[in-house]
Protein backbone atom coordinates (compact mmCIF):
# COMPACT_ATOMS: atom_id res chain seq x y z
CA MET A 1 0.00 0.00 0.00
CA ILE A 2 1.49 3.29 -1.11
CA GLU A 3 -0.06 6.50 0.26
CA LEU A 4 0.80 9.86 -1.27
CA SER A 5 -0.98 12.62 0.63
CA LEU A 6 -0.26 16.09 -0.67
CA VAL A 7 -3.60 17.88 -0.36
CA ALA A 8 -5.51 15.79 2.19
CA ASP A 9 -4.72 13.43 5.03
CA LEU A 10 -5.29 9.88 3.80
CA ALA A 11 -4.06 7.98 6.85
CA ARG A 12 -7.51 6.63 7.73
CA ASP A 13 -8.34 5.82 4.10
CA ALA A 14 -4.99 4.12 3.53
CA ALA A 15 -5.51 1.97 6.62
CA ILE A 16 -8.93 0.90 5.32
CA VAL A 17 -7.58 0.00 1.88
CA ALA A 18 -4.53 -1.77 3.36
CA ASP A 19 -6.83 -3.87 5.56
CA ARG A 20 -9.26 -4.53 2.69
CA VAL A 21 -6.55 -5.83 0.34
CA GLY A 22 -4.42 -7.52 3.00
CA ALA A 23 -1.38 -5.34 2.31
CA ALA A 24 1.76 -6.64 4.00
CA ARG A 25 3.41 -3.19 3.92
CA ARG A 26 2.23 0.39 3.99
CA VAL A 27 4.40 3.29 2.83
CA ARG A 28 3.44 6.91 3.50
CA LEU A 29 5.40 9.19 1.20
CA ALA A 30 4.22 12.68 2.10
CA SER A 31 2.04 14.39 4.62
CA ALA A 32 -0.91 16.54 3.74
CA SER A 33 -0.45 20.22 3.05
CA ALA A 34 -2.51 22.44 5.30
CA ASP A 35 -2.81 24.93 2.46
CA ARG A 36 -4.91 23.47 -0.36
CA SER A 37 -4.08 26.48 -2.52
CA ALA A 38 -0.34 25.85 -2.28
CA ASP A 39 1.52 25.55 -5.58
CA LEU A 40 2.68 21.92 -5.73
CA ARG A 41 4.47 22.22 -9.08
CA PRO A 42 7.93 22.61 -7.51
CA VAL A 43 7.59 19.27 -5.67
CA ALA A 44 5.57 17.32 -8.26
CA ALA A 45 8.49 15.83 -10.21
CA ALA A 46 10.32 14.88 -7.01
CA ALA A 47 7.18 13.30 -5.53
CA ALA A 48 6.57 11.29 -8.71
CA ALA A 49 10.18 10.11 -8.76
CA GLN A 50 9.94 9.15 -5.10
CA VAL A 51 6.86 7.00 -5.81
CA GLY A 52 8.76 5.32 -8.66
CA ASP A 53 11.77 4.67 -6.42
CA VAL A 54 9.63 3.11 -3.69
CA LEU A 55 7.77 0.92 -6.19
CA ARG A 56 11.02 -0.31 -7.72
CA ARG A 57 12.45 -1.13 -4.26
CA LEU A 58 9.30 -3.07 -3.46
CA ARG A 59 9.60 -4.88 -6.83
CA ASP A 60 13.18 -5.79 -5.98
CA ASP A 61 11.85 -7.30 -2.72
CA GLY A 62 9.44 -9.49 -4.73
CA VAL A 63 6.25 -7.41 -4.59
CA THR A 64 4.14 -7.73 -7.75
CA ASP A 65 0.83 -6.17 -6.67
CA TYR A 66 0.76 -2.47 -5.72
CA HIS A 67 -2.13 -0.50 -4.21
CA VAL A 68 -1.71 3.27 -4.55
CA LEU A 69 -3.90 5.88 -2.85
CA LEU A 70 -3.35 9.47 -3.95
CA ALA A 71 -4.52 12.83 -2.63
CA SER A 72 -2.91 15.08 -5.17
CA PRO A 73 -3.63 17.16 -8.23
CA ALA A 74 -4.54 14.98 -11.23
CA PRO A 75 -1.43 15.93 -13.26
CA LEU A 76 0.74 14.31 -10.58
CA ALA A 77 -0.88 10.97 -11.40
CA ALA A 78 0.35 11.37 -14.98
CA LEU A 79 3.87 12.13 -13.75
CA ILE A 80 3.78 9.05 -11.55
CA GLY A 81 2.68 6.98 -14.53
CA ARG A 82 5.96 7.80 -16.24
CA HIS A 83 7.75 5.87 -13.47
CA LEU A 84 5.74 2.66 -13.77
CA HIS A 85 7.74 0.12 -15.75
CA ALA A 86 7.84 -3.68 -15.41
CA LEU A 87 6.40 -3.69 -11.89
CA GLY A 88 3.38 -5.98 -11.94
CA THR A 89 -0.20 -4.89 -11.28
CA VAL A 90 -0.87 -1.37 -10.01
CA HIS A 91 -4.26 -0.59 -8.43
CA VAL A 92 -5.05 3.11 -8.02
CA TYR A 93 -7.67 4.32 -5.54
CA PHE A 94 -9.26 7.66 -4.78
CA SER A 95 -11.31 9.03 -1.93
CA ASN A 96 -14.15 11.37 -2.85
CA ARG A 97 -15.36 14.36 -0.84
CA ASP A 98 -17.57 12.04 1.24
CA ARG A 99 -14.47 9.92 2.07
CA VAL A 100 -15.78 6.96 0.06
CA ILE A 101 -12.80 4.97 -1.25
CA SER A 102 -13.07 3.56 -4.75
CA ARG A 103 -10.66 1.76 -7.04
CA ALA A 104 -10.15 4.00 -10.07
CA TYR A 105 -8.40 1.37 -12.15
CA SER A 106 -5.95 -1.52 -12.19
CA VAL A 107 -3.27 -1.88 -14.84
CA ARG A 108 -0.51 -4.38 -15.45
CA VAL A 109 2.77 -2.57 -16.08
């Protein structure tokens, strides 16, 4: 379970998803910004690269199924996608304004 929280705190949601899917590990990459209007462009590339680095380390440890929960601007998801190569299956989740967690998609990469 990979949690990337840039614009909202996803700790509770990540715990629910991790329990639901039986995740053996949970990695929290960033904490939520208190300022939702903050310009995240300066950290976007670094955050995307960090997600890629963590996923590759997990792959090297034998992980082949990844569950990713994001609270970030949509363009960051595209940047993260550039770092997904030969990993296995990636499941991406989102939490709506009512805090309902849904799987957006699963893709084999």
